[in-house]
Amino acid sequence: MKIVGPDFIDYWQPTTGTTQAAQSRFGIRLRQGRCWPLVQVGDESPSSFGSAQEIPVEVSSLPGYMLIVVKEDLARDPASDLVELLLGKKSIQQARKAAGKSEKTESPQTKVRLPNKE
């Protein structure tokens, strides 16, 4: 799930289940040329943890928990702009504008092979 804020974009894993533990999820926040890992537990406010990564970032070098978010985002939405943002091929401003449009815009997809760390 993609959430566009006034000066950031968050990409979240979907929540499943009904218990509070099952409602915990990881995400990635993109803001001011950096990305941070996010976590949200139950109804708590999301919070960042770990170190910010400078954009552009080598996607395959991201920590495993961030790679999972990227993989799940691409699986849910193959046209997602998350990888383009992480690689610095698309700015946050461009992504925010595209998210505000009511019509679907198509762009060439960026192919990135992600390591399988399972």
N, C-alpha and C. Protein backbone atom coordinates (compact mmCIF):
# COMPACT_ATOMS: atom_id res chain seq x y z
N MET A 1 0.85 -1.17 0.00
CA MET A 1 0.00 0.00 0.00
C MET A 1 0.90 1.24 0.00
N LYS A 2 0.52 2.21 -0.81
CA LYS A 2 1.27 3.45 -0.95
C LYS A 2 0.48 4.58 -0.28
N ILE A 3 1.14 5.33 0.58
CA ILE A 3 0.52 6.47 1.24
C ILE A 3 1.36 7.70 0.92
N VAL A 4 0.72 8.70 0.35
CA VAL A 4 1.41 9.93 -0.04
C VAL A 4 1.10 11.01 0.99
N GLY A 5 2.15 11.54 1.61
CA GLY A 5 1.99 12.62 2.58
C GLY A 5 2.44 13.93 1.98
N PRO A 6 2.45 14.98 2.78
CA PRO A 6 2.80 16.31 2.26
C PRO A 6 4.24 16.40 1.75
N ASP A 7 5.18 15.65 2.35
CA ASP A 7 6.56 15.70 1.89
C ASP A 7 7.24 14.33 1.95
N PHE A 8 6.44 13.27 1.90
CA PHE A 8 6.98 11.92 1.96
C PHE A 8 6.05 10.96 1.22
N ILE A 9 6.58 9.77 0.95
CA ILE A 9 5.76 8.68 0.43
C ILE A 9 6.13 7.44 1.23
N ASP A 10 5.13 6.75 1.76
CA ASP A 10 5.34 5.50 2.49
C ASP A 10 4.82 4.34 1.65
N TYR A 11 5.57 3.25 1.64
CA TYR A 11 5.15 2.00 1.01
C TYR A 11 5.08 0.97 2.13
N TRP A 12 3.91 0.33 2.29
CA TRP A 12 3.66 -0.58 3.40
C TRP A 12 3.35 -1.99 2.94
N GLN A 13 3.75 -2.95 3.78
CA GLN A 13 3.29 -4.31 3.61
C GLN A 13 1.81 -4.34 3.94
N PRO A 14 1.06 -5.24 3.34
CA PRO A 14 -0.35 -5.35 3.72
C PRO A 14 -0.47 -5.98 5.11
N THR A 15 -1.51 -5.63 5.85
CA THR A 15 -1.77 -6.27 7.14
C THR A 15 -2.73 -7.41 6.92
N THR A 16 -2.51 -8.48 7.65
CA THR A 16 -3.40 -9.63 7.57
C THR A 16 -3.66 -10.12 8.98
N GLY A 17 -4.76 -10.80 9.17
CA GLY A 17 -5.08 -11.36 10.47
C GLY A 17 -5.81 -10.37 11.36
N THR A 18 -6.19 -10.85 12.53
CA THR A 18 -6.96 -10.01 13.43
C THR A 18 -6.26 -9.76 14.76
N THR A 19 -5.20 -10.49 15.08
CA THR A 19 -4.50 -10.25 16.34
C THR A 19 -3.57 -9.07 16.18
N GLN A 20 -3.22 -8.44 17.29
CA GLN A 20 -2.34 -7.27 17.24
C GLN A 20 -0.99 -7.64 16.63
N ALA A 21 -0.46 -8.81 16.97
CA ALA A 21 0.83 -9.22 16.41
C ALA A 21 0.74 -9.37 14.90
N ALA A 22 -0.38 -9.86 14.41
CA ALA A 22 -0.55 -10.04 12.96
C ALA A 22 -0.72 -8.70 12.27
N GLN A 23 -1.08 -7.66 13.02
CA GLN A 23 -1.28 -6.35 12.41
C GLN A 23 0.01 -5.53 12.39
N SER A 24 1.11 -6.10 12.84
CA SER A 24 2.39 -5.42 12.74
C SER A 24 2.85 -5.49 11.30
N ARG A 25 3.48 -4.42 10.86
CA ARG A 25 3.96 -4.42 9.48
C ARG A 25 5.18 -3.53 9.32
N PHE A 26 5.92 -3.81 8.26
CA PHE A 26 7.08 -3.01 7.91
C PHE A 26 6.75 -2.16 6.70
N GLY A 27 7.51 -1.09 6.54
CA GLY A 27 7.34 -0.22 5.39
C GLY A 27 8.63 0.52 5.09
N ILE A 28 8.57 1.35 4.07
CA ILE A 28 9.69 2.20 3.68
C ILE A 28 9.17 3.61 3.48
N ARG A 29 9.83 4.58 4.09
CA ARG A 29 9.48 5.99 3.89
C ARG A 29 10.55 6.65 3.03
N LEU A 30 10.11 7.37 2.00
CA LEU A 30 11.00 8.13 1.14
C LEU A 30 10.74 9.61 1.40
N ARG A 31 11.84 10.34 1.68
CA ARG A 31 11.71 11.76 2.01
C ARG A 31 13.07 12.43 1.88
N GLN A 32 13.11 13.57 1.25
CA GLN A 32 14.31 14.41 1.16
C GLN A 32 15.56 13.65 0.72
N GLY A 33 15.44 12.83 -0.34
CA GLY A 33 16.58 12.13 -0.88
C GLY A 33 17.09 10.96 -0.05
N ARG A 34 16.27 10.47 0.86
CA ARG A 34 16.64 9.35 1.72
C ARG A 34 15.45 8.41 1.88
N CYS A 35 15.76 7.19 2.33
CA CYS A 35 14.69 6.25 2.67
C CYS A 35 14.99 5.64 4.04
N TRP A 36 13.94 5.38 4.77
CA TRP A 36 14.04 4.82 6.11
C TRP A 36 13.15 3.59 6.21
N PRO A 37 13.55 2.60 7.00
CA PRO A 37 12.63 1.52 7.31
C PRO A 37 11.61 2.01 8.33
N LEU A 38 10.38 1.54 8.17
CA LEU A 38 9.30 1.89 9.09
C LEU A 38 8.73 0.62 9.72
N VAL A 39 8.17 0.78 10.88
CA VAL A 39 7.44 -0.31 11.52
C VAL A 39 6.18 0.29 12.15
N GLN A 40 5.12 -0.49 12.12
CA GLN A 40 3.89 -0.10 12.79
C GLN A 40 3.35 -1.33 13.50
N VAL A 41 3.09 -1.17 14.79
CA VAL A 41 2.56 -2.27 15.59
C VAL A 41 1.15 -1.92 16.01
N GLY A 42 0.20 -2.74 15.57
CA GLY A 42 -1.19 -2.52 15.92
C GLY A 42 -1.65 -1.13 15.52
N ASP A 43 -2.27 -0.42 16.46
CA ASP A 43 -2.79 0.92 16.19
C ASP A 43 -1.79 2.03 16.51
N GLU A 44 -0.57 1.66 16.89
CA GLU A 44 0.45 2.66 17.20
C GLU A 44 0.80 3.47 15.96
N SER A 45 1.34 4.65 16.16
CA SER A 45 1.81 5.46 15.03
C SER A 45 3.04 4.79 14.43
N PRO A 46 3.21 4.90 13.12
CA PRO A 46 4.41 4.34 12.49
C PRO A 46 5.65 5.05 13.00
N SER A 47 6.75 4.31 13.08
CA SER A 47 8.01 4.93 13.48
C SER A 47 9.15 4.34 12.65
N SER A 48 10.16 5.17 12.43
CA SER A 48 11.32 4.71 11.69
C SER A 48 12.29 4.06 12.65
N PHE A 49 13.15 3.23 12.12
CA PHE A 49 14.20 2.61 12.92
C PHE A 49 15.39 2.37 12.00
N GLY A 50 16.53 2.12 12.59
CA GLY A 50 17.72 1.89 11.78
C GLY A 50 18.22 3.18 11.16
N SER A 51 19.11 3.03 10.20
CA SER A 51 19.73 4.18 9.56
C SER A 51 19.04 4.53 8.25
N ALA A 52 19.04 5.81 7.94
CA ALA A 52 18.52 6.27 6.64
C ALA A 52 19.51 5.87 5.56
N GLN A 53 18.99 5.54 4.40
CA GLN A 53 19.82 5.22 3.23
C GLN A 53 19.71 6.38 2.26
N GLU A 54 20.83 6.83 1.74
CA GLU A 54 20.84 7.90 0.73
C GLU A 54 20.31 7.35 -0.59
N ILE A 55 19.50 8.14 -1.27
CA ILE A 55 19.00 7.78 -2.60
C ILE A 55 19.88 8.50 -3.61
N PRO A 56 20.38 7.87 -4.65
CA PRO A 56 20.05 6.52 -5.09
C PRO A 56 20.72 5.46 -4.21
N VAL A 57 20.06 4.32 -4.12
CA VAL A 57 20.56 3.21 -3.32
C VAL A 57 20.57 1.97 -4.20
N GLU A 58 21.54 1.11 -3.98
CA GLU A 58 21.57 -0.18 -4.67
C GLU A 58 20.53 -1.05 -3.98
N VAL A 59 19.43 -1.30 -4.67
CA VAL A 59 18.28 -1.97 -4.06
C VAL A 59 18.68 -3.31 -3.45
N SER A 60 19.50 -4.08 -4.14
CA SER A 60 19.88 -5.40 -3.63
C SER A 60 20.72 -5.33 -2.36
N SER A 61 21.27 -4.15 -2.02
CA SER A 61 22.07 -4.01 -0.81
C SER A 61 21.25 -3.56 0.40
N LEU A 62 19.96 -3.33 0.21
CA LEU A 62 19.10 -2.94 1.33
C LEU A 62 19.00 -4.09 2.34
N PRO A 63 18.76 -3.77 3.60
CA PRO A 63 18.56 -4.83 4.59
C PRO A 63 17.38 -5.72 4.19
N GLY A 64 17.42 -6.96 4.63
CA GLY A 64 16.41 -7.95 4.27
C GLY A 64 14.97 -7.50 4.51
N TYR A 65 14.71 -6.84 5.63
CA TYR A 65 13.35 -6.41 5.94
C TYR A 65 12.86 -5.35 4.95
N MET A 66 13.78 -4.55 4.39
CA MET A 66 13.38 -3.57 3.38
C MET A 66 13.19 -4.25 2.02
N LEU A 67 14.02 -5.25 1.73
CA LEU A 67 13.86 -6.01 0.48
C LEU A 67 12.51 -6.70 0.42
N ILE A 68 12.06 -7.19 1.56
CA ILE A 68 10.75 -7.85 1.61
C ILE A 68 9.66 -6.87 1.21
N VAL A 69 9.74 -5.64 1.72
CA VAL A 69 8.74 -4.62 1.37
C VAL A 69 8.78 -4.34 -0.13
N VAL A 70 9.99 -4.22 -0.70
CA VAL A 70 10.13 -3.97 -2.14
C VAL A 70 9.53 -5.13 -2.94
N LYS A 71 9.88 -6.36 -2.58
CA LYS A 71 9.38 -7.54 -3.30
C LYS A 71 7.86 -7.62 -3.23
N GLU A 72 7.30 -7.42 -2.04
CA GLU A 72 5.85 -7.50 -1.89
C GLU A 72 5.15 -6.38 -2.65
N ASP A 73 5.75 -5.19 -2.66
CA ASP A 73 5.16 -4.07 -3.40
C ASP A 73 5.13 -4.38 -4.89
N LEU A 74 6.23 -4.90 -5.44
CA LEU A 74 6.28 -5.24 -6.86
C LEU A 74 5.32 -6.39 -7.20
N ALA A 75 5.17 -7.34 -6.28
CA ALA A 75 4.25 -8.46 -6.52
C ALA A 75 2.80 -7.97 -6.57
N ARG A 76 2.45 -7.04 -5.68
CA ARG A 76 1.09 -6.49 -5.64
C ARG A 76 0.83 -5.53 -6.78
N ASP A 77 1.85 -4.75 -7.14
CA ASP A 77 1.68 -3.71 -8.16
C ASP A 77 2.91 -3.64 -9.05
N PRO A 78 2.95 -4.42 -10.13
CA PRO A 78 4.12 -4.43 -11.01
C PRO A 78 4.46 -3.06 -11.59
N ALA A 79 3.51 -2.14 -11.63
CA ALA A 79 3.76 -0.79 -12.15
C ALA A 79 4.19 0.19 -11.05
N SER A 80 4.43 -0.31 -9.85
CA SER A 80 4.83 0.55 -8.74
C SER A 80 6.09 1.34 -9.07
N ASP A 81 6.17 2.55 -8.53
CA ASP A 81 7.33 3.40 -8.77
C ASP A 81 8.37 3.33 -7.65
N LEU A 82 8.20 2.42 -6.70
CA LEU A 82 9.12 2.33 -5.57
C LEU A 82 10.57 2.11 -6.01
N VAL A 83 10.82 1.17 -6.91
CA VAL A 83 12.19 0.90 -7.34
C VAL A 83 12.77 2.09 -8.09
N GLU A 84 11.97 2.73 -8.94
CA GLU A 84 12.45 3.92 -9.64
C GLU A 84 12.86 5.01 -8.65
N LEU A 85 12.09 5.17 -7.59
CA LEU A 85 12.41 6.16 -6.56
C LEU A 85 13.71 5.79 -5.84
N LEU A 86 13.85 4.53 -5.46
CA LEU A 86 15.04 4.10 -4.74
C LEU A 86 16.30 4.25 -5.59
N LEU A 87 16.17 4.02 -6.90
CA LEU A 87 17.32 4.14 -7.81
C LEU A 87 17.60 5.58 -8.21
N GLY A 88 16.73 6.50 -7.80
CA GLY A 88 16.91 7.90 -8.14
C GLY A 88 16.48 8.24 -9.57
N LYS A 89 15.74 7.34 -10.21
CA LYS A 89 15.28 7.57 -11.58
C LYS A 89 13.98 8.37 -11.61
N LYS A 90 13.35 8.51 -10.47
CA LYS A 90 12.12 9.28 -10.35
C LYS A 90 12.20 10.04 -9.04
N SER A 91 11.79 11.30 -9.06
CA SER A 91 11.83 12.10 -7.83
C SER A 91 10.54 11.89 -7.02
N ILE A 92 10.63 12.22 -5.76
CA ILE A 92 9.45 12.12 -4.90
C ILE A 92 8.36 13.07 -5.41
N GLN A 93 8.77 14.24 -5.90
CA GLN A 93 7.79 15.19 -6.43
C GLN A 93 7.06 14.60 -7.64
N GLN A 94 7.79 13.93 -8.53
CA GLN A 94 7.16 13.28 -9.69
C GLN A 94 6.18 12.20 -9.24
N ALA A 95 6.58 11.41 -8.26
CA ALA A 95 5.72 10.33 -7.77
C ALA A 95 4.47 10.88 -7.08
N ARG A 96 4.64 11.98 -6.35
CA ARG A 96 3.49 12.59 -5.68
C ARG A 96 2.51 13.16 -6.70
N LYS A 97 3.04 13.79 -7.78
CA LYS A 97 2.17 14.31 -8.84
C LYS A 97 1.41 13.18 -9.51
N ALA A 98 2.12 12.09 -9.83
CA ALA A 98 1.49 10.95 -10.50
C ALA A 98 0.41 10.33 -9.61
N ALA A 99 0.65 10.29 -8.30
CA ALA A 99 -0.33 9.72 -7.38
C ALA A 99 -1.57 10.60 -7.28
N GLY A 100 -1.43 11.90 -7.53
CA GLY A 100 -2.55 12.82 -7.44
C GLY A 100 -3.43 12.82 -8.67
N LYS A 101 -2.94 12.24 -9.77
CA LYS A 101 -3.74 12.22 -10.99
C LYS A 101 -4.80 11.13 -10.92
N SER A 102 -5.95 11.42 -11.47
CA SER A 102 -7.02 10.43 -11.43
C SER A 102 -6.87 9.39 -12.52
N GLU A 103 -6.15 9.73 -13.58
CA GLU A 103 -5.98 8.77 -14.65
C GLU A 103 -4.68 8.00 -14.47
N LYS A 104 -4.66 6.79 -14.94
CA LYS A 104 -3.48 5.95 -14.83
C LYS A 104 -2.44 6.40 -15.84
N THR A 105 -1.21 6.57 -15.36
CA THR A 105 -0.13 6.90 -16.28
C THR A 105 0.81 5.70 -16.35
N GLU A 106 1.23 5.38 -17.54
CA GLU A 106 2.12 4.24 -17.72
C GLU A 106 3.52 4.73 -17.99
N SER A 107 4.49 4.07 -17.40
CA SER A 107 5.88 4.40 -17.64
C SER A 107 6.65 3.10 -17.80
N PRO A 108 7.78 3.14 -18.48
CA PRO A 108 8.56 1.91 -18.61
C PRO A 108 9.01 1.44 -17.24
N GLN A 109 8.91 0.15 -17.02
CA GLN A 109 9.28 -0.40 -15.73
C GLN A 109 10.77 -0.59 -15.63
N THR A 110 11.29 -0.42 -14.44
CA THR A 110 12.69 -0.66 -14.17
C THR A 110 12.82 -2.09 -13.69
N LYS A 111 13.60 -2.88 -14.39
CA LYS A 111 13.81 -4.28 -14.01
C LYS A 111 14.99 -4.35 -13.07
N VAL A 112 14.77 -4.93 -11.89
CA VAL A 112 15.83 -5.11 -10.91
C VAL A 112 15.73 -6.52 -10.39
N ARG A 113 16.83 -7.24 -10.43
CA ARG A 113 16.85 -8.59 -9.89
C ARG A 113 17.18 -8.49 -8.41
N LEU A 114 16.27 -8.94 -7.57
CA LEU A 114 16.46 -8.88 -6.13
C LEU A 114 16.96 -10.23 -5.63
N PRO A 115 17.90 -10.23 -4.71
CA PRO A 115 18.41 -11.51 -4.21
C PRO A 115 17.34 -12.22 -3.41
N ASN A 116 17.36 -13.54 -3.47
CA ASN A 116 16.42 -14.36 -2.71
C ASN A 116 17.12 -14.76 -1.42
N LYS A 117 16.76 -14.10 -0.32
CA LYS A 117 17.41 -14.35 0.97
C LYS A 117 16.58 -15.23 1.87
N GLU A 118 15.75 -16.06 1.28
CA GLU A 118 14.86 -16.90 2.10
C GLU A 118 15.50 -18.22 2.44
